[in-house]
Amino acid sequence: MSERTVVVASSVGLHARPASLFSQAAAKTGISITLTSATGRSVNAASILGVLSLGIGHGEEVTLSSDAEGAETALDALVIVLSTDLDRE
């Protein structure tokens, strides 16, 4: 299992536009990736509704994980997405 922990940089957290951009990026990887909040709740990272349901705010730490082939590269790419303030893009 590959894992990455990252702090959410978007100023509004993973809400609306940032959540949409993140879930789209996760879906484009073509592999199953799990997003886990600091509270321990987990969702499919490609599910916009799942991501929104976590209520992740700015500066919160989240964990991305996957046991699929190619997970290392996919998780690294998603860490970059979450480390960017997607509200300023």
PDB file of N, CA and C in Angstrom:
ATOM      1  N   MET A   1       0.859  -1.178   0.000  1.00  0.00           N
ATOM      2  CA  MET A   1       0.000   0.000   0.000  1.00  0.00           C
ATOM      3  C   MET A   1       0.903   1.238   0.000  1.00  0.00           C
ATOM      4  N   SER A   2       0.647   2.120  -0.932  1.00  0.00           N
ATOM      5  CA  SER A   2       1.365   3.393  -1.011  1.00  0.00           C
ATOM      6  C   SER A   2       0.532   4.457  -0.325  1.00  0.00           C
ATOM      7  N   GLU A   3       1.191   5.325   0.404  1.00  0.00           N
ATOM      8  CA  GLU A   3       0.494   6.416   1.109  1.00  0.00           C
ATOM      9  C   GLU A   3       1.277   7.708   1.014  1.00  0.00           C
ATOM     10  N   ARG A   4       0.542   8.805   1.027  1.00  0.00           N
ATOM     11  CA  ARG A   4       1.121  10.142   1.096  1.00  0.00           C
ATOM     12  C   ARG A   4       0.266  10.958   2.048  1.00  0.00           C
ATOM     13  N   THR A   5       0.912  11.743   2.889  1.00  0.00           N
ATOM     14  CA  THR A   5       0.202  12.666   3.774  1.00  0.00           C
ATOM     15  C   THR A   5       0.543  14.072   3.320  1.00  0.00           C
ATOM     16  N   VAL A   6      -0.486  14.924   3.243  1.00  0.00           N
ATOM     17  CA  VAL A   6      -0.297  16.274   2.718  1.00  0.00           C
ATOM     18  C   VAL A   6      -1.237  17.235   3.436  1.00  0.00           C
ATOM     19  N   VAL A   7      -0.822  18.488   3.520  1.00  0.00           N
ATOM     20  CA  VAL A   7      -1.646  19.544   4.098  1.00  0.00           C
ATOM     21  C   VAL A   7      -2.367  20.250   2.955  1.00  0.00           C
ATOM     22  N   VAL A   8      -3.671  20.427   3.090  1.00  0.00           N
ATOM     23  CA  VAL A   8      -4.494  21.060   2.046  1.00  0.00           C
ATOM     24  C   VAL A   8      -4.190  22.556   2.007  1.00  0.00           C
ATOM     25  N   ALA A   9      -3.754  23.040   0.839  1.00  0.00           N
ATOM     26  CA  ALA A   9      -3.329  24.430   0.697  1.00  0.00           C
ATOM     27  C   ALA A   9      -4.446  25.385   0.283  1.00  0.00           C
ATOM     28  N   SER A  10      -5.489  24.896  -0.354  1.00  0.00           N
ATOM     29  CA  SER A  10      -6.550  25.796  -0.826  1.00  0.00           C
ATOM     30  C   SER A  10      -7.157  26.578   0.331  1.00  0.00           C
ATOM     31  N   SER A  11      -7.340  27.863   0.130  1.00  0.00           N
ATOM     32  CA  SER A  11      -7.781  28.750   1.211  1.00  0.00           C
ATOM     33  C   SER A  11      -9.169  28.415   1.749  1.00  0.00           C
ATOM     34  N   VAL A  12      -9.997  27.740   0.966  1.00  0.00           N
ATOM     35  CA  VAL A  12     -11.312  27.318   1.461  1.00  0.00           C
ATOM     36  C   VAL A  12     -11.349  25.816   1.720  1.00  0.00           C
ATOM     37  N   GLY A  13     -10.210  25.169   1.657  1.00  0.00           N
ATOM     38  CA  GLY A  13     -10.160  23.726   1.847  1.00  0.00           C
ATOM     39  C   GLY A  13     -10.678  23.006   0.620  1.00  0.00           C
ATOM     40  N   LEU A  14     -11.137  21.779   0.818  1.00  0.00           N
ATOM     41  CA  LEU A  14     -11.651  20.996  -0.307  1.00  0.00           C
ATOM     42  C   LEU A  14     -13.152  21.171  -0.420  1.00  0.00           C
ATOM     43  N   HIS A  15     -13.534  22.360  -0.847  1.00  0.00           N
ATOM     44  CA  HIS A  15     -14.933  22.705  -1.061  1.00  0.00           C
ATOM     45  C   HIS A  15     -15.088  23.223  -2.481  1.00  0.00           C
ATOM     46  N   ALA A  16     -16.237  22.988  -3.077  1.00  0.00           N
ATOM     47  CA  ALA A  16     -16.606  23.498  -4.399  1.00  0.00           C
ATOM     48  C   ALA A  16     -15.514  23.271  -5.448  1.00  0.00           C
ATOM     49  N   ARG A  17     -14.945  24.339  -5.960  1.00  0.00           N
ATOM     50  CA  ARG A  17     -13.987  24.239  -7.062  1.00  0.00           C
ATOM     51  C   ARG A  17     -12.763  23.391  -6.719  1.00  0.00           C
ATOM     52  N   PRO A  18     -12.084  23.619  -5.580  1.00  0.00           N
ATOM     53  CA  PRO A  18     -10.922  22.785  -5.268  1.00  0.00           C
ATOM     54  C   PRO A  18     -11.264  21.293  -5.166  1.00  0.00           C
ATOM     55  N   ALA A  19     -12.406  20.973  -4.574  1.00  0.00           N
ATOM     56  CA  ALA A  19     -12.812  19.570  -4.458  1.00  0.00           C
ATOM     57  C   ALA A  19     -13.061  18.978  -5.840  1.00  0.00           C
ATOM     58  N   SER A  20     -13.685  19.754  -6.707  1.00  0.00           N
ATOM     59  CA  SER A  20     -13.960  19.295  -8.059  1.00  0.00           C
ATOM     60  C   SER A  20     -12.665  19.036  -8.828  1.00  0.00           C
ATOM     61  N   LEU A  21     -11.738  19.981  -8.772  1.00  0.00           N
ATOM     62  CA  LEU A  21     -10.459  19.818  -9.474  1.00  0.00           C
ATOM     63  C   LEU A  21      -9.689  18.622  -8.940  1.00  0.00           C
ATOM     64  N   PHE A  22      -9.703  18.444  -7.623  1.00  0.00           N
ATOM     65  CA  PHE A  22      -8.994  17.322  -7.016  1.00  0.00           C
ATOM     66  C   PHE A  22      -9.626  15.989  -7.427  1.00  0.00           C
ATOM     67  N   SER A  23     -10.933  15.877  -7.327  1.00  0.00           N
ATOM     68  CA  SER A  23     -11.584  14.607  -7.656  1.00  0.00           C
ATOM     69  C   SER A  23     -11.428  14.281  -9.141  1.00  0.00           C
ATOM     70  N   GLN A  24     -11.439  15.293 -10.008  1.00  0.00           N
ATOM     71  CA  GLN A  24     -11.209  15.066 -11.428  1.00  0.00           C
ATOM     72  C   GLN A  24      -9.794  14.546 -11.672  1.00  0.00           C
ATOM     73  N   ALA A  25      -8.819  15.121 -10.967  1.00  0.00           N
ATOM     74  CA  ALA A  25      -7.433  14.677 -11.102  1.00  0.00           C
ATOM     75  C   ALA A  25      -7.293  13.232 -10.613  1.00  0.00           C
ATOM     76  N   ALA A  26      -7.975  12.906  -9.530  1.00  0.00           N
ATOM     77  CA  ALA A  26      -7.926  11.534  -9.003  1.00  0.00           C
ATOM     78  C   ALA A  26      -8.542  10.561 -10.000  1.00  0.00           C
ATOM     79  N   ALA A  27      -9.659  10.944 -10.616  1.00  0.00           N
ATOM     80  CA  ALA A  27     -10.322  10.084 -11.588  1.00  0.00           C
ATOM     81  C   ALA A  27      -9.437   9.851 -12.815  1.00  0.00           C
ATOM     82  N   LYS A  28      -8.705  10.880 -13.226  1.00  0.00           N
ATOM     83  CA  LYS A  28      -7.856  10.780 -14.410  1.00  0.00           C
ATOM     84  C   LYS A  28      -6.696   9.812 -14.220  1.00  0.00           C
ATOM     85  N   THR A  29      -6.328   9.500 -12.981  1.00  0.00           N
ATOM     86  CA  THR A  29      -5.235   8.553 -12.750  1.00  0.00           C
ATOM     87  C   THR A  29      -5.618   7.150 -13.214  1.00  0.00           C
ATOM     88  N   GLY A  30      -6.928   6.861 -13.215  1.00  0.00           N
ATOM     89  CA  GLY A  30      -7.385   5.553 -13.639  1.00  0.00           C
ATOM     90  C   GLY A  30      -7.216   4.452 -12.604  1.00  0.00           C
ATOM     91  N   ILE A  31      -6.830   4.822 -11.390  1.00  0.00           N
ATOM     92  CA  ILE A  31      -6.682   3.827 -10.330  1.00  0.00           C
ATOM     93  C   ILE A  31      -7.519   4.231  -9.120  1.00  0.00           C
ATOM     94  N   SER A  32      -7.790   3.278  -8.272  1.00  0.00           N
ATOM     95  CA  SER A  32      -8.577   3.535  -7.071  1.00  0.00           C
ATOM     96  C   SER A  32      -7.694   4.168  -6.001  1.00  0.00           C
ATOM     97  N   ILE A  33      -8.084   5.364  -5.555  1.00  0.00           N
ATOM     98  CA  ILE A  33      -7.324   6.093  -4.537  1.00  0.00           C
ATOM     99  C   ILE A  33      -8.281   6.469  -3.423  1.00  0.00           C
ATOM    100  N   THR A  34      -7.828   6.301  -2.199  1.00  0.00           N
ATOM    101  CA  THR A  34      -8.621   6.633  -1.032  1.00  0.00           C
ATOM    102  C   THR A  34      -8.102   7.919  -0.410  1.00  0.00           C
ATOM    103  N   LEU A  35      -9.020   8.812  -0.062  1.00  0.00           N
ATOM    104  CA  LEU A  35      -8.701  10.055   0.646  1.00  0.00           C
ATOM    105  C   LEU A  35      -9.211   9.899   2.071  1.00  0.00           C
ATOM    106  N   THR A  36      -8.329  10.088   3.048  1.00  0.00           N
ATOM    107  CA  THR A  36      -8.697   9.944   4.453  1.00  0.00           C
ATOM    108  C   THR A  36      -8.441  11.257   5.173  1.00  0.00           C
ATOM    109  N   SER A  37      -9.461  11.734   5.885  1.00  0.00           N
ATOM    110  CA  SER A  37      -9.339  12.986   6.638  1.00  0.00           C
ATOM    111  C   SER A  37      -8.626  12.736   7.957  1.00  0.00           C
ATOM    112  N   ALA A  38      -8.296  13.810   8.651  1.00  0.00           N
ATOM    113  CA  ALA A  38      -7.639  13.710   9.953  1.00  0.00           C
ATOM    114  C   ALA A  38      -8.533  13.024  10.982  1.00  0.00           C
ATOM    115  N   THR A  39      -9.840  13.025  10.743  1.00  0.00           N
ATOM    116  CA  THR A  39     -10.775  12.365  11.663  1.00  0.00           C
ATOM    117  C   THR A  39     -10.855  10.865  11.417  1.00  0.00           C
ATOM    118  N   GLY A  40     -10.216  10.391  10.345  1.00  0.00           N
ATOM    119  CA  GLY A  40     -10.207   8.969  10.046  1.00  0.00           C
ATOM    120  C   GLY A  40     -11.265   8.511   9.058  1.00  0.00           C
ATOM    121  N   ARG A  41     -12.110   9.429   8.597  1.00  0.00           N
ATOM    122  CA  ARG A  41     -13.119   9.071   7.587  1.00  0.00           C
ATOM    123  C   ARG A  41     -12.455   8.976   6.222  1.00  0.00           C
ATOM    124  N   SER A  42     -12.838   7.955   5.457  1.00  0.00           N
ATOM    125  CA  SER A  42     -12.234   7.709   4.149  1.00  0.00           C
ATOM    126  C   SER A  42     -13.289   7.675   3.056  1.00  0.00           C
ATOM    127  N   VAL A  43     -12.911   8.185   1.875  1.00  0.00           N
ATOM    128  CA  VAL A  43     -13.783   8.157   0.701  1.00  0.00           C
ATOM    129  C   VAL A  43     -12.945   7.885  -0.537  1.00  0.00           C
ATOM    130  N   ASN A  44     -13.628   7.525  -1.612  1.00  0.00           N
ATOM    131  CA  ASN A  44     -12.992   7.395  -2.910  1.00  0.00           C
ATOM    132  C   ASN A  44     -12.600   8.804  -3.364  1.00  0.00           C
ATOM    133  N   ALA A  45     -11.321   9.015  -3.636  1.00  0.00           N
ATOM    134  CA  ALA A  45     -10.834  10.351  -4.000  1.00  0.00           C
ATOM    135  C   ALA A  45     -11.437  10.870  -5.300  1.00  0.00           C
ATOM    136  N   ALA A  46     -11.932   9.990  -6.154  1.00  0.00           N
ATOM    137  CA  ALA A  46     -12.523  10.415  -7.426  1.00  0.00           C
ATOM    138  C   ALA A  46     -13.988  10.812  -7.289  1.00  0.00           C
ATOM    139  N   SER A  47     -14.551  10.672  -6.098  1.00  0.00           N
ATOM    140  CA  SER A  47     -15.957  11.003  -5.874  1.00  0.00           C
ATOM    141  C   SER A  47     -16.087  12.420  -5.320  1.00  0.00           C
ATOM    142  N   ILE A  48     -16.604  13.333  -6.122  1.00  0.00           N
ATOM    143  CA  ILE A  48     -16.766  14.715  -5.677  1.00  0.00           C
ATOM    144  C   ILE A  48     -17.657  14.784  -4.441  1.00  0.00           C
ATOM    145  N   LEU A  49     -18.740  14.016  -4.427  1.00  0.00           N
ATOM    146  CA  LEU A  49     -19.627  14.036  -3.259  1.00  0.00           C
ATOM    147  C   LEU A  49     -18.934  13.476  -2.022  1.00  0.00           C
ATOM    148  N   GLY A  50     -18.136  12.432  -2.220  1.00  0.00           N
ATOM    149  CA  GLY A  50     -17.383  11.870  -1.102  1.00  0.00           C
ATOM    150  C   GLY A  50     -16.387  12.875  -0.540  1.00  0.00           C
ATOM    151  N   VAL A  51     -15.649  13.526  -1.425  1.00  0.00           N
ATOM    152  CA  VAL A  51     -14.656  14.520  -1.005  1.00  0.00           C
ATOM    153  C   VAL A  51     -15.338  15.662  -0.250  1.00  0.00           C
ATOM    154  N   LEU A  52     -16.437  16.164  -0.799  1.00  0.00           N
ATOM    155  CA  LEU A  52     -17.166  17.251  -0.136  1.00  0.00           C
ATOM    156  C   LEU A  52     -17.701  16.828   1.229  1.00  0.00           C
ATOM    157  N   SER A  53     -18.113  15.567   1.337  1.00  0.00           N
ATOM    158  CA  SER A  53     -18.696  15.086   2.592  1.00  0.00           C
ATOM    159  C   SER A  53     -17.704  15.080   3.753  1.00  0.00           C
ATOM    160  N   LEU A  54     -16.422  15.078   3.446  1.00  0.00           N
ATOM    161  CA  LEU A  54     -15.404  15.080   4.507  1.00  0.00           C
ATOM    162  C   LEU A  54     -15.263  16.446   5.169  1.00  0.00           C
ATOM    163  N   GLY A  55     -15.658  17.506   4.484  1.00  0.00           N
ATOM    164  CA  GLY A  55     -15.572  18.844   5.062  1.00  0.00           C
ATOM    165  C   GLY A  55     -14.156  19.261   5.423  1.00  0.00           C
ATOM    166  N   ILE A  56     -13.208  18.969   4.559  1.00  0.00           N
ATOM    167  CA  ILE A  56     -11.803  19.250   4.824  1.00  0.00           C
ATOM    168  C   ILE A  56     -11.516  20.730   4.615  1.00  0.00           C
ATOM    169  N   GLY A  57     -10.952  21.360   5.622  1.00  0.00           N
ATOM    170  CA  GLY A  57     -10.649  22.783   5.573  1.00  0.00           C
ATOM    171  C   GLY A  57      -9.204  23.079   5.238  1.00  0.00           C
ATOM    172  N   HIS A  58      -8.930  24.361   5.038  1.00  0.00           N
ATOM    173  CA  HIS A  58      -7.568  24.837   4.763  1.00  0.00           C
ATOM    174  C   HIS A  58      -6.637  24.436   5.904  1.00  0.00           C
ATOM    175  N   GLY A  59      -5.467  23.949   5.552  1.00  0.00           N
ATOM    176  CA  GLY A  59      -4.456  23.604   6.542  1.00  0.00           C
ATOM    177  C   GLY A  59      -4.640  22.244   7.195  1.00  0.00           C
ATOM    178  N   GLU A  60      -5.702  21.528   6.834  1.00  0.00           N
ATOM    179  CA  GLU A  60      -5.919  20.203   7.407  1.00  0.00           C
ATOM    180  C   GLU A  60      -5.042  19.176   6.706  1.00  0.00           C
ATOM    181  N   GLU A  61      -4.611  18.187   7.466  1.00  0.00           N
ATOM    182  CA  GLU A  61      -3.786  17.120   6.939  1.00  0.00           C
ATOM    183  C   GLU A  61      -4.676  15.967   6.481  1.00  0.00           C
ATOM    184  N   VAL A  62      -4.398  15.460   5.287  1.00  0.00           N
ATOM    185  CA  VAL A  62      -5.138  14.321   4.748  1.00  0.00           C
ATOM    186  C   VAL A  62      -4.145  13.266   4.275  1.00  0.00           C
ATOM    187  N   THR A  63      -4.635  12.058   4.117  1.00  0.00           N
ATOM    188  CA  THR A  63      -3.799  10.962   3.633  1.00  0.00           C
ATOM    189  C   THR A  63      -4.413  10.388   2.369  1.00  0.00           C
ATOM    190  N   LEU A  64      -3.572  10.191   1.379  1.00  0.00           N
ATOM    191  CA  LEU A  64      -3.951   9.548   0.127  1.00  0.00           C
ATOM    192  C   LEU A  64      -3.333   8.156   0.137  1.00  0.00           C
ATOM    193  N   SER A  65      -4.098   7.157  -0.281  1.00  0.00           N
ATOM    194  CA  SER A  65      -3.543   5.806  -0.305  1.00  0.00           C
ATOM    195  C   SER A  65      -4.110   4.995  -1.451  1.00  0.00           C
ATOM    196  N   SER A  66      -3.310   4.027  -1.907  1.00  0.00           N
ATOM    197  CA  SER A  66      -3.734   3.126  -2.974  1.00  0.00           C
ATOM    198  C   SER A  66      -2.799   1.929  -2.988  1.00  0.00           C
ATOM    199  N   ASP A  67      -3.342   0.772  -3.350  1.00  0.00           N
ATOM    200  CA  ASP A  67      -2.500  -0.407  -3.520  1.00  0.00           C
ATOM    201  C   ASP A  67      -2.447  -0.844  -4.983  1.00  0.00           C
ATOM    202  N   ALA A  68      -2.891   0.026  -5.871  1.00  0.00           N
ATOM    203  CA  ALA A  68      -2.904  -0.273  -7.307  1.00  0.00           C
ATOM    204  C   ALA A  68      -1.516  -0.103  -7.917  1.00  0.00           C
ATOM    205  N   GLU A  69      -1.318  -0.780  -9.042  1.00  0.00           N
ATOM    206  CA  GLU A  69      -0.085  -0.598  -9.785  1.00  0.00           C
ATOM    207  C   GLU A  69      -0.029   0.846 -10.296  1.00  0.00           C
ATOM    208  N   GLY A  70       1.105   1.495 -10.166  1.00  0.00           N
ATOM    209  CA  GLY A  70       1.251   2.881 -10.588  1.00  0.00           C
ATOM    210  C   GLY A  70       0.832   3.889  -9.533  1.00  0.00           C
ATOM    211  N   ALA A  71       0.563   3.411  -8.331  1.00  0.00           N
ATOM    212  CA  ALA A  71       0.080   4.290  -7.265  1.00  0.00           C
ATOM    213  C   ALA A  71       1.095   5.358  -6.867  1.00  0.00           C
ATOM    214  N   GLU A  72       2.359   5.006  -6.850  1.00  0.00           N
ATOM    215  CA  GLU A  72       3.388   5.967  -6.420  1.00  0.00           C
ATOM    216  C   GLU A  72       3.323   7.246  -7.255  1.00  0.00           C
ATOM    217  N   THR A  73       3.302   7.101  -8.554  1.00  0.00           N
ATOM    218  CA  THR A  73       3.264   8.253  -9.454  1.00  0.00           C
ATOM    219  C   THR A  73       1.957   9.020  -9.311  1.00  0.00           C
ATOM    220  N   ALA A  74       0.856   8.305  -9.228  1.00  0.00           N
ATOM    221  CA  ALA A  74      -0.458   8.948  -9.101  1.00  0.00           C
ATOM    222  C   ALA A  74      -0.563   9.730  -7.800  1.00  0.00           C
ATOM    223  N   LEU A  75      -0.109   9.138  -6.711  1.00  0.00           N
ATOM    224  CA  LEU A  75      -0.182   9.830  -5.422  1.00  0.00           C
ATOM    225  C   LEU A  75       0.710  11.058  -5.408  1.00  0.00           C
ATOM    226  N   ASP A  76       1.885  10.958  -6.003  1.00  0.00           N
ATOM    227  CA  ASP A  76       2.774  12.127  -6.080  1.00  0.00           C
ATOM    228  C   ASP A  76       2.100  13.274  -6.828  1.00  0.00           C
ATOM    229  N   ALA A  77       1.403  12.953  -7.911  1.00  0.00           N
ATOM    230  CA  ALA A  77       0.716  13.987  -8.697  1.00  0.00           C
ATOM    231  C   ALA A  77      -0.416  14.619  -7.881  1.00  0.00           C
ATOM    232  N   LEU A  78      -1.144  13.812  -7.124  1.00  0.00           N
ATOM    233  CA  LEU A  78      -2.245  14.349  -6.324  1.00  0.00           C
ATOM    234  C   LEU A  78      -1.750  15.168  -5.139  1.00  0.00           C
ATOM    235  N   VAL A  79      -0.582  14.835  -4.616  1.00  0.00           N
ATOM    236  CA  VAL A  79       0.012  15.653  -3.547  1.00  0.00           C
ATOM    237  C   VAL A  79       0.273  17.060  -4.070  1.00  0.00           C
ATOM    238  N   ILE A  80       0.738  17.157  -5.302  1.00  0.00           N
ATOM    239  CA  ILE A  80       0.982  18.479  -5.906  1.00  0.00           C
ATOM    240  C   ILE A  80      -0.329  19.248  -6.016  1.00  0.00           C
ATOM    241  N   VAL A  81      -1.397  18.571  -6.425  1.00  0.00           N
ATOM    242  CA  VAL A  81      -2.707  19.225  -6.541  1.00  0.00           C
ATOM    243  C   VAL A  81      -3.148  19.773  -5.185  1.00  0.00           C
ATOM    244  N   LEU A  82      -3.055  18.953  -4.147  1.00  0.00           N
ATOM    245  CA  LEU A  82      -3.508  19.380  -2.816  1.00  0.00           C
ATOM    246  C   LEU A  82      -2.589  20.429  -2.196  1.00  0.00           C
ATOM    247  N   SER A  83      -1.341  20.466  -2.614  1.00  0.00           N
ATOM    248  CA  SER A  83      -0.377  21.434  -2.079  1.00  0.00           C
ATOM    249  C   SER A  83      -0.462  22.791  -2.769  1.00  0.00           C
ATOM    250  N   THR A  84      -1.367  22.908  -3.732  1.00  0.00           N
ATOM    251  CA  THR A  84      -1.557  24.137  -4.496  1.00  0.00           C
ATOM    252  C   THR A  84      -2.849  24.814  -4.039  1.00  0.00           C
ATOM    253  N   ASP A  85      -2.818  26.138  -3.926  1.00  0.00           N
ATOM    254  CA  ASP A  85      -4.039  26.864  -3.599  1.00  0.00           C
ATOM    255  C   ASP A  85      -4.888  26.934  -4.852  1.00  0.00           C
ATOM    256  N   LEU A  86      -5.808  25.998  -4.994  1.00  0.00           N
ATOM    257  CA  LEU A  86      -6.625  25.890  -6.200  1.00  0.00           C
ATOM    258  C   LEU A  86      -7.634  27.020  -6.335  1.00  0.00           C
ATOM    259  N   ASP A  87      -7.801  27.833  -5.303  1.00  0.00           N
ATOM    260  CA  ASP A  87      -8.688  28.988  -5.378  1.00  0.00           C
ATOM    261  C   ASP A  87      -8.018  30.139  -6.123  1.00  0.00           C
ATOM    262  N   ARG A  88      -6.729  30.110  -6.252  1.00  0.00           N
ATOM    263  CA  ARG A  88      -6.000  31.194  -6.931  1.00  0.00           C
ATOM    264  C   ARG A  88      -5.682  30.860  -8.365  1.00  0.00           C
ATOM    265  N   GLU A  89      -5.957  29.628  -8.771  1.00  0.00           N
ATOM    266  CA  GLU A  89      -5.654  29.183 -10.135  1.00  0.00           C
ATOM    267  C   GLU A  89      -6.541  29.871 -11.140  1.00  0.00           C
TER     268      GLU A  89
END
